[in-house]
PDB file of N, CA and C in Angstrom:
ATOM      1  N   MET A   1     -14.997   6.463 -16.218  1.00  0.00           N
ATOM      2  CA  MET A   1     -14.958   6.452 -15.048  1.00  0.00           C
ATOM      3  C   MET A   1     -14.827   7.270 -13.990  1.00  0.00           C
ATOM      4  N   LYS A   2     -15.261   7.211 -13.010  1.00  0.00           N
ATOM      5  CA  LYS A   2     -15.231   8.473 -12.135  1.00  0.00           C
ATOM      6  C   LYS A   2     -13.542   8.662 -11.382  1.00  0.00           C
ATOM      7  N   THR A   3     -13.050   9.706 -11.061  1.00  0.00           N
ATOM      8  CA  THR A   3     -11.992  10.058 -10.385  1.00  0.00           C
ATOM      9  C   THR A   3     -11.873   9.058  -8.958  1.00  0.00           C
ATOM     10  N   SER A   4     -12.755   9.271  -8.283  1.00  0.00           N
ATOM     11  CA  SER A   4     -12.641   8.145  -6.918  1.00  0.00           C
ATOM     12  C   SER A   4     -12.321   6.659  -7.599  1.00  0.00           C
ATOM     13  N   GLU A   5     -13.358   6.032  -8.630  1.00  0.00           N
ATOM     14  CA  GLU A   5     -12.682   5.121  -9.146  1.00  0.00           C
ATOM     15  C   GLU A   5     -11.667   4.575  -9.729  1.00  0.00           C
ATOM     16  N   ARG A   6     -10.813   5.580 -10.111  1.00  0.00           N
ATOM     17  CA  ARG A   6      -9.367   5.439 -10.583  1.00  0.00           C
ATOM     18  C   ARG A   6      -8.809   5.585  -9.329  1.00  0.00           C
ATOM     19  N   VAL A   7      -8.877   6.262  -8.265  1.00  0.00           N
ATOM     20  CA  VAL A   7      -8.016   6.079  -7.053  1.00  0.00           C
ATOM     21  C   VAL A   7      -8.081   4.853  -6.595  1.00  0.00           C
ATOM     22  N   TYR A   8      -9.352   4.490  -6.498  1.00  0.00           N
ATOM     23  CA  TYR A   8      -9.515   3.218  -5.441  1.00  0.00           C
ATOM     24  C   TYR A   8      -8.648   2.223  -6.440  1.00  0.00           C
ATOM     25  N   TRP A   9      -8.930   2.048  -7.427  1.00  0.00           N
ATOM     26  CA  TRP A   9      -7.852   0.903  -8.526  1.00  0.00           C
ATOM     27  C   TRP A   9      -6.450   1.240  -8.604  1.00  0.00           C
ATOM     28  N   ILE A  10      -6.104   2.093  -8.749  1.00  0.00           N
ATOM     29  CA  ILE A  10      -4.864   2.572  -8.404  1.00  0.00           C
ATOM     30  C   ILE A  10      -4.239   1.877  -6.767  1.00  0.00           C
ATOM     31  N   LYS A  11      -5.160   2.063  -6.096  1.00  0.00           N
ATOM     32  CA  LYS A  11      -4.744   2.201  -4.900  1.00  0.00           C
ATOM     33  C   LYS A  11      -4.774   0.581  -4.670  1.00  0.00           C
ATOM     34  N   LEU A  12      -5.397  -0.314  -4.984  1.00  0.00           N
ATOM     35  CA  LEU A  12      -5.296  -1.668  -5.253  1.00  0.00           C
ATOM     36  C   LEU A  12      -3.882  -2.172  -5.584  1.00  0.00           C
ATOM     37  N   VAL A  13      -3.134  -1.361  -6.983  1.00  0.00           N
ATOM     38  CA  VAL A  13      -2.181  -1.783  -7.667  1.00  0.00           C
ATOM     39  C   VAL A  13      -1.045  -1.287  -6.662  1.00  0.00           C
ATOM     40  N   LEU A  14      -1.070  -0.242  -6.164  1.00  0.00           N
ATOM     41  CA  LEU A  14      -0.117   0.529  -5.319  1.00  0.00           C
ATOM     42  C   LEU A  14       0.176  -0.635  -4.124  1.00  0.00           C
ATOM     43  N   SER A  15      -0.975  -0.937  -3.696  1.00  0.00           N
ATOM     44  CA  SER A  15      -0.630  -2.119  -2.314  1.00  0.00           C
ATOM     45  C   SER A  15      -0.016  -3.153  -2.495  1.00  0.00           C
ATOM     46  N   ILE A  16      -0.410  -3.632  -3.849  1.00  0.00           N
ATOM     47  CA  ILE A  16       0.658  -4.973  -3.893  1.00  0.00           C
ATOM     48  C   ILE A  16       1.896  -4.746  -4.549  1.00  0.00           C
ATOM     49  N   ILE A  17       2.352  -3.714  -5.043  1.00  0.00           N
ATOM     50  CA  ILE A  17       3.719  -3.296  -5.050  1.00  0.00           C
ATOM     51  C   ILE A  17       4.421  -2.995  -3.847  1.00  0.00           C
ATOM     52  N   SER A  18       3.253  -1.953  -2.679  1.00  0.00           N
ATOM     53  CA  SER A  18       3.952  -1.860  -1.641  1.00  0.00           C
ATOM     54  C   SER A  18       4.303  -3.039  -0.693  1.00  0.00           C
ATOM     55  N   ALA A  19       3.588  -4.125  -1.190  1.00  0.00           N
ATOM     56  CA  ALA A  19       3.654  -5.876  -0.266  1.00  0.00           C
ATOM     57  C   ALA A  19       5.306  -6.194  -0.790  1.00  0.00           C
ATOM     58  N   ILE A  20       5.068  -5.965  -1.978  1.00  0.00           N
ATOM     59  CA  ILE A  20       6.895  -6.632  -2.847  1.00  0.00           C
ATOM     60  C   ILE A  20       7.782  -5.855  -2.062  1.00  0.00           C
ATOM     61  N   VAL A  21       7.540  -4.635  -2.057  1.00  0.00           N
ATOM     62  CA  VAL A  21       8.715  -3.600  -1.492  1.00  0.00           C
ATOM     63  C   VAL A  21       8.896  -4.043   0.010  1.00  0.00           C
ATOM     64  N   CYS A  22       7.919  -4.256   0.785  1.00  0.00           N
ATOM     65  CA  CYS A  22       7.841  -4.655   2.244  1.00  0.00           C
ATOM     66  C   CYS A  22       8.956  -6.003   2.174  1.00  0.00           C
ATOM     67  N   VAL A  23       8.134  -6.942   1.546  1.00  0.00           N
ATOM     68  CA  VAL A  23       8.887  -8.458   1.868  1.00  0.00           C
ATOM     69  C   VAL A  23       9.975  -8.001   1.245  1.00  0.00           C
ATOM     70  N   SER A  24      10.520  -7.604   0.549  1.00  0.00           N
ATOM     71  CA  SER A  24      11.954  -7.583  -0.199  1.00  0.00           C
ATOM     72  C   SER A  24      12.968  -6.877   0.842  1.00  0.00           C
ATOM     73  N   LEU A  25      12.137  -6.131   1.997  1.00  0.00           N
ATOM     74  CA  LEU A  25      12.910  -5.506   2.959  1.00  0.00           C
ATOM     75  C   LEU A  25      12.965  -6.345   3.640  1.00  0.00           C
ATOM     76  N   GLN A  26      11.756  -6.698   4.203  1.00  0.00           N
ATOM     77  CA  GLN A  26      12.369  -7.705   5.230  1.00  0.00           C
ATOM     78  C   GLN A  26      13.103  -9.093   5.137  1.00  0.00           C
ATOM     79  N   VAL A  27      12.565  -9.705   3.680  1.00  0.00           N
ATOM     80  CA  VAL A  27      13.828 -10.733   3.477  1.00  0.00           C
ATOM     81  C   VAL A  27      15.083 -10.473   3.300  1.00  0.00           C
ATOM     82  N   TYR A  28      15.091  -9.548   2.758  1.00  0.00           N
ATOM     83  CA  TYR A  28      16.382  -9.426   1.757  1.00  0.00           C
ATOM     84  C   TYR A  28      17.708  -8.519   2.400  1.00  0.00           C
ATOM     85  N   VAL A  29      17.061  -7.547   2.983  1.00  0.00           N
ATOM     86  CA  VAL A  29      17.951  -6.786   3.780  1.00  0.00           C
ATOM     87  C   VAL A  29      17.706  -7.093   5.074  1.00  0.00           C
ATOM     88  N   GLY A  30      16.690  -7.611   5.774  1.00  0.00           N
ATOM     89  CA  GLY A  30      16.916  -8.199   6.997  1.00  0.00           C
ATOM     90  C   GLY A  30      15.797  -6.868   8.190  1.00  0.00           C
ATOM     91  N   LEU A  31      14.993  -6.274   7.700  1.00  0.00           N
ATOM     92  CA  LEU A  31      14.457  -5.453   8.664  1.00  0.00           C
ATOM     93  C   LEU A  31      13.559  -6.448   9.421  1.00  0.00           C
ATOM     94  N   ASP A  32      12.991  -5.356  10.343  1.00  0.00           N
ATOM     95  CA  ASP A  32      12.118  -6.170  11.507  1.00  0.00           C
ATOM     96  C   ASP A  32      10.435  -6.065  10.860  1.00  0.00           C
ATOM     97  N   GLY A  33       9.866  -6.658  11.142  1.00  0.00           N
ATOM     98  CA  GLY A  33       8.443  -6.859  10.700  1.00  0.00           C
ATOM     99  C   GLY A  33       7.346  -5.457  11.252  1.00  0.00           C
ATOM    100  N   SER A  34       7.926  -4.970  12.490  1.00  0.00           N
ATOM    101  CA  SER A  34       7.272  -3.870  12.883  1.00  0.00           C
ATOM    102  C   SER A  34       7.588  -2.547  12.146  1.00  0.00           C
ATOM    103  N   ILE A  35       9.092  -2.260  11.735  1.00  0.00           N
ATOM    104  CA  ILE A  35       9.492  -1.348  10.731  1.00  0.00           C
ATOM    105  C   ILE A  35       8.926  -1.621   9.596  1.00  0.00           C
ATOM    106  N   VAL A  36       8.881  -2.639   9.066  1.00  0.00           N
ATOM    107  CA  VAL A  36       7.975  -2.472   7.287  1.00  0.00           C
ATOM    108  C   VAL A  36       6.886  -2.411   7.498  1.00  0.00           C
ATOM    109  N   PHE A  37       6.104  -3.140   8.567  1.00  0.00           N
ATOM    110  CA  PHE A  37       4.669  -2.241   8.607  1.00  0.00           C
ATOM    111  C   PHE A  37       4.415  -0.849   8.927  1.00  0.00           C
ATOM    112  N   MET A  38       5.348  -0.127   9.532  1.00  0.00           N
ATOM    113  CA  MET A  38       5.387   1.449   9.275  1.00  0.00           C
ATOM    114  C   MET A  38       5.704   1.798   8.390  1.00  0.00           C
ATOM    115  N   LEU A  39       6.589   1.362   7.647  1.00  0.00           N
ATOM    116  CA  LEU A  39       6.578   1.942   6.035  1.00  0.00           C
ATOM    117  C   LEU A  39       5.574   1.445   5.109  1.00  0.00           C
ATOM    118  N   GLY A  40       5.166   0.147   5.367  1.00  0.00           N
ATOM    119  CA  GLY A  40       3.556   0.320   4.185  1.00  0.00           C
ATOM    120  C   GLY A  40       2.639   0.982   4.807  1.00  0.00           C
ATOM    121  N   SER A  41       2.613   1.291   6.029  1.00  0.00           N
ATOM    122  CA  SER A  41       1.647   2.624   6.678  1.00  0.00           C
ATOM    123  C   SER A  41       2.209   3.804   6.282  1.00  0.00           C
ATOM    124  N   LEU A  42       3.062   3.777   6.117  1.00  0.00           N
ATOM    125  CA  LEU A  42       3.917   5.434   5.484  1.00  0.00           C
ATOM    126  C   LEU A  42       3.401   5.620   4.004  1.00  0.00           C
ATOM    127  N   LEU A  43       4.049   4.681   3.442  1.00  0.00           N
ATOM    128  CA  LEU A  43       3.583   4.548   2.137  1.00  0.00           C
ATOM    129  C   LEU A  43       2.102   4.850   1.857  1.00  0.00           C
ATOM    130  N   TYR A  44       1.141   4.405   2.556  1.00  0.00           N
ATOM    131  CA  TYR A  44       0.034   4.439   2.400  1.00  0.00           C
ATOM    132  C   TYR A  44      -0.703   5.951   2.434  1.00  0.00           C
ATOM    133  N   LEU A  45      -0.064   6.550   3.595  1.00  0.00           N
ATOM    134  CA  LEU A  45      -0.334   7.899   3.627  1.00  0.00           C
ATOM    135  C   LEU A  45       0.426   8.916   2.303  1.00  0.00           C
ATOM    136  N   LEU A  46       1.685   8.641   2.024  1.00  0.00           N
ATOM    137  CA  LEU A  46       2.219   9.267   0.958  1.00  0.00           C
ATOM    138  C   LEU A  46       1.394   9.239  -0.345  1.00  0.00           C
ATOM    139  N   LEU A  47       1.067   8.059  -0.719  1.00  0.00           N
ATOM    140  CA  LEU A  47       0.445   7.737  -1.683  1.00  0.00           C
ATOM    141  C   LEU A  47      -1.085   8.173  -2.235  1.00  0.00           C
ATOM    142  N   SER A  48      -1.684   8.282  -1.122  1.00  0.00           N
ATOM    143  CA  SER A  48      -3.146   9.017  -0.883  1.00  0.00           C
ATOM    144  C   SER A  48      -3.152  10.374  -1.144  1.00  0.00           C
ATOM    145  N   ASP A  49      -2.068  11.459  -0.608  1.00  0.00           N
ATOM    146  CA  ASP A  49      -1.340  12.445  -0.934  1.00  0.00           C
ATOM    147  C   ASP A  49      -1.086  13.016  -1.981  1.00  0.00           C
ATOM    148  N   LEU A  50      -0.424  12.026  -2.596  1.00  0.00           N
ATOM    149  CA  LEU A  50       0.266  12.352  -3.980  1.00  0.00           C
ATOM    150  C   LEU A  50      -1.307  12.022  -4.975  1.00  0.00           C
ATOM    151  N   LEU A  51      -1.753  11.414  -4.735  1.00  0.00           N
ATOM    152  CA  LEU A  51      -3.041  10.925  -5.786  1.00  0.00           C
ATOM    153  C   LEU A  51      -4.060  11.960  -5.231  1.00  0.00           C
ATOM    154  N   ALA A  52      -4.094  12.443  -4.027  1.00  0.00           N
ATOM    155  CA  ALA A  52      -4.956  14.060  -4.124  1.00  0.00           C
ATOM    156  C   ALA A  52      -4.843  14.765  -4.883  1.00  0.00           C
ATOM    157  N   ASN A  53      -3.280  15.113  -4.779  1.00  0.00           N
ATOM    158  CA  ASN A  53      -2.860  16.204  -5.836  1.00  0.00           C
ATOM    159  C   ASN A  53      -2.825  16.149  -7.043  1.00  0.00           C
ATOM    160  N   MET A  54      -2.653  14.859  -7.414  1.00  0.00           N
ATOM    161  CA  MET A  54      -2.367  14.459  -9.059  1.00  0.00           C
ATOM    162  C   MET A  54      -3.893  14.529  -9.390  1.00  0.00           C
ATOM    163  N   MET A  55      -5.002  14.005  -8.418  1.00  0.00           N
ATOM    164  CA  MET A  55      -6.628  13.964  -9.172  1.00  0.00           C
ATOM    165  C   MET A  55      -7.499  15.021  -8.782  1.00  0.00           C
ATOM    166  N   LYS A  56      -6.765  16.092  -8.139  1.00  0.00           N
ATOM    167  CA  LYS A  56      -7.538  17.325  -7.809  1.00  0.00           C
ATOM    168  C   LYS A  56      -8.558  16.968  -6.913  1.00  0.00           C
ATOM    169  N   LEU A  57      -8.092  15.931  -5.563  1.00  0.00           N
ATOM    170  CA  LEU A  57      -9.174  15.722  -4.674  1.00  0.00           C
ATOM    171  C   LEU A  57      -8.807  16.408  -3.156  1.00  0.00           C
ATOM    172  N   GLU A  58     -10.099  16.659  -2.520  1.00  0.00           N
ATOM    173  CA  GLU A  58      -9.827  16.675  -1.291  1.00  0.00           C
ATOM    174  C   GLU A  58      -8.563  15.803  -0.113  1.00  0.00           C
ATOM    175  N   ARG A  59      -8.005  16.197   0.591  1.00  0.00           N
ATOM    176  CA  ARG A  59      -6.885  15.690   1.224  1.00  0.00           C
ATOM    177  C   ARG A  59      -7.683  14.357   1.738  1.00  0.00           C
ATOM    178  N   ASN A  60      -8.298  14.724   2.806  1.00  0.00           N
ATOM    179  CA  ASN A  60      -9.389  13.589   3.772  1.00  0.00           C
ATOM    180  C   ASN A  60     -10.367  12.708   2.776  1.00  0.00           C
ATOM    181  N   HIS A  61     -10.671  13.408   1.533  1.00  0.00           N
ATOM    182  CA  HIS A  61     -11.448  12.238   1.013  1.00  0.00           C
ATOM    183  C   HIS A  61     -10.709  11.373   0.195  1.00  0.00           C
ATOM    184  N   ALA A  62      -9.660  11.800  -0.359  1.00  0.00           N
ATOM    185  CA  ALA A  62      -8.323  10.786  -0.760  1.00  0.00           C
ATOM    186  C   ALA A  62      -7.930   9.764   0.015  1.00  0.00           C
ATOM    187  N   LEU A  63      -7.671   9.923   1.305  1.00  0.00           N
ATOM    188  CA  LEU A  63      -7.724   9.353   2.149  1.00  0.00           C
ATOM    189  C   LEU A  63      -8.057   7.822   2.406  1.00  0.00           C
ATOM    190  N   LYS A  64      -9.642   8.486   2.211  1.00  0.00           N
ATOM    191  CA  LYS A  64     -10.572   7.631   2.739  1.00  0.00           C
ATOM    192  C   LYS A  64     -11.097   6.735   1.748  1.00  0.00           C
ATOM    193  N   ILE A  65     -10.391   6.997   0.644  1.00  0.00           N
ATOM    194  CA  ILE A  65     -11.195   6.077  -0.474  1.00  0.00           C
ATOM    195  C   ILE A  65      -9.958   5.157  -0.618  1.00  0.00           C
ATOM    196  N   GLY A  66     -10.795   3.515  -0.737  1.00  0.00           N
ATOM    197  CA  GLY A  66      -9.874   2.448  -1.237  1.00  0.00           C
ATOM    198  C   GLY A  66      -8.855   2.311   0.179  1.00  0.00           C
ATOM    199  N   ILE A  67      -9.110   2.923   1.608  1.00  0.00           N
ATOM    200  CA  ILE A  67      -8.312   2.328   2.706  1.00  0.00           C
ATOM    201  C   ILE A  67      -8.403   0.830   3.044  1.00  0.00           C
ATOM    202  N   GLY A  68      -9.792   0.149   2.756  1.00  0.00           N
ATOM    203  CA  GLY A  68      -9.814  -0.912   3.247  1.00  0.00           C
ATOM    204  C   GLY A  68      -9.407  -1.697   2.327  1.00  0.00           C
ATOM    205  N   THR A  69      -9.443  -1.623   1.071  1.00  0.00           N
ATOM    206  CA  THR A  69      -9.164  -2.573  -0.134  1.00  0.00           C
ATOM    207  C   THR A  69      -7.520  -2.515   0.113  1.00  0.00           C
ATOM    208  N   TYR A  70      -6.765  -0.933   0.164  1.00  0.00           N
ATOM    209  CA  TYR A  70      -5.157  -1.350  -0.003  1.00  0.00           C
ATOM    210  C   TYR A  70      -4.630  -1.835   1.428  1.00  0.00           C
ATOM    211  N   VAL A  71      -5.433  -1.888   2.780  1.00  0.00           N
ATOM    212  CA  VAL A  71      -4.652  -2.884   3.697  1.00  0.00           C
ATOM    213  C   VAL A  71      -5.161  -4.211   3.704  1.00  0.00           C
ATOM    214  N   PHE A  72      -6.129  -4.433   3.269  1.00  0.00           N
ATOM    215  CA  PHE A  72      -6.672  -5.990   2.875  1.00  0.00           C
ATOM    216  C   PHE A  72      -5.504  -6.464   1.916  1.00  0.00           C
ATOM    217  N   THR A  73      -5.378  -5.951   0.989  1.00  0.00           N
ATOM    218  CA  THR A  73      -4.663  -6.502  -0.020  1.00  0.00           C
ATOM    219  C   THR A  73      -3.096  -6.409   0.529  1.00  0.00           C
ATOM    220  N   TRP A  74      -2.749  -5.142   0.681  1.00  0.00           N
ATOM    221  CA  TRP A  74      -1.562  -5.163   1.473  1.00  0.00           C
ATOM    222  C   TRP A  74      -0.702  -6.328   2.321  1.00  0.00           C
ATOM    223  N   ILE A  75      -2.084  -6.614   3.148  1.00  0.00           N
ATOM    224  CA  ILE A  75      -1.172  -7.274   4.032  1.00  0.00           C
ATOM    225  C   ILE A  75      -1.282  -8.950   3.747  1.00  0.00           C
ATOM    226  N   MET A  76      -2.335  -9.018   3.090  1.00  0.00           N
ATOM    227  CA  MET A  76      -2.449 -10.536   2.392  1.00  0.00           C
ATOM    228  C   MET A  76      -1.231 -10.952   1.406  1.00  0.00           C
ATOM    229  N   THR A  77      -1.315  -9.714   0.258  1.00  0.00           N
ATOM    230  CA  THR A  77       0.334 -10.377  -0.147  1.00  0.00           C
ATOM    231  C   THR A  77       1.245 -10.119   0.038  1.00  0.00           C
ATOM    232  N   TRP A  78       1.415  -9.309   1.500  1.00  0.00           N
ATOM    233  CA  TRP A  78       2.719  -9.529   2.248  1.00  0.00           C
ATOM    234  C   TRP A  78       3.049 -10.824   2.583  1.00  0.00           C
ATOM    235  N   THR A  79       1.934 -11.335   3.282  1.00  0.00           N
ATOM    236  CA  THR A  79       1.938 -12.635   4.330  1.00  0.00           C
ATOM    237  C   THR A  79       2.296 -13.544   3.454  1.00  0.00           C
ATOM    238  N   ILE A  80       1.709 -13.486   2.282  1.00  0.00           N
ATOM    239  CA  ILE A  80       1.458 -14.733   1.160  1.00  0.00           C
ATOM    240  C   ILE A  80       3.220 -14.675   0.655  1.00  0.00           C
ATOM    241  N   LEU A  81       3.307 -13.548   0.105  1.00  0.00           N
ATOM    242  CA  LEU A  81       4.789 -13.755  -0.342  1.00  0.00           C
ATOM    243  C   LEU A  81       5.911 -14.176   0.856  1.00  0.00           C
ATOM    244  N   PHE A  82       5.627 -13.532   2.108  1.00  0.00           N
ATOM    245  CA  PHE A  82       6.747 -13.637   3.417  1.00  0.00           C
ATOM    246  C   PHE A  82       6.839 -15.201   3.378  1.00  0.00           C
ATOM    247  N   THR A  83       5.845 -15.801   3.114  1.00  0.00           N
ATOM    248  CA  THR A  83       5.677 -17.184   3.613  1.00  0.00           C
ATOM    249  C   THR A  83       6.307 -17.978   2.506  1.00  0.00           C
ATOM    250  N   ILE A  84       5.884 -17.702   1.258  1.00  0.00           N
ATOM    251  CA  ILE A  84       6.721 -18.447   0.349  1.00  0.00           C
ATOM    252  C   ILE A  84       8.240 -17.963   0.178  1.00  0.00           C
ATOM    253  N   LEU A  85       8.728 -16.864   0.480  1.00  0.00           N
ATOM    254  CA  LEU A  85      10.067 -16.749   0.275  1.00  0.00           C
ATOM    255  C   LEU A  85      10.770 -16.916   1.528  1.00  0.00           C
ATOM    256  N   LYS A  86      10.564 -16.938   2.369  1.00  0.00           N
ATOM    257  CA  LYS A  86      10.640 -17.344   3.736  1.00  0.00           C
ATOM    258  C   LYS A  86      11.436 -19.257   4.054  1.00  0.00           C
ATOM    259  N   ILE A  87      10.229 -19.508   3.111  1.00  0.00           N
ATOM    260  CA  ILE A  87      10.546 -21.295   2.913  1.00  0.00           C
ATOM    261  C   ILE A  87      11.615 -21.334   2.226  1.00  0.00           C
TER     262      ILE A  87
END
């Protein structure tokens, strides 16, 4: 498996974990949705930078790999879990 493919799949898994963290902060701690959204976006930037350092990739390239997958999976998982837990 190529390095970029590993980064892609790692970001997919981390997006689900990030959504769980965001839902937990929003439902149980009571943070506002916009603050949690900014936190999830910040997590993406931090995770991309960390993966770039770990996998020895250029920062811009690591930032671009899997951005659509991360955002789509993160928002969909966050929305579904928030809907389930809010009821």
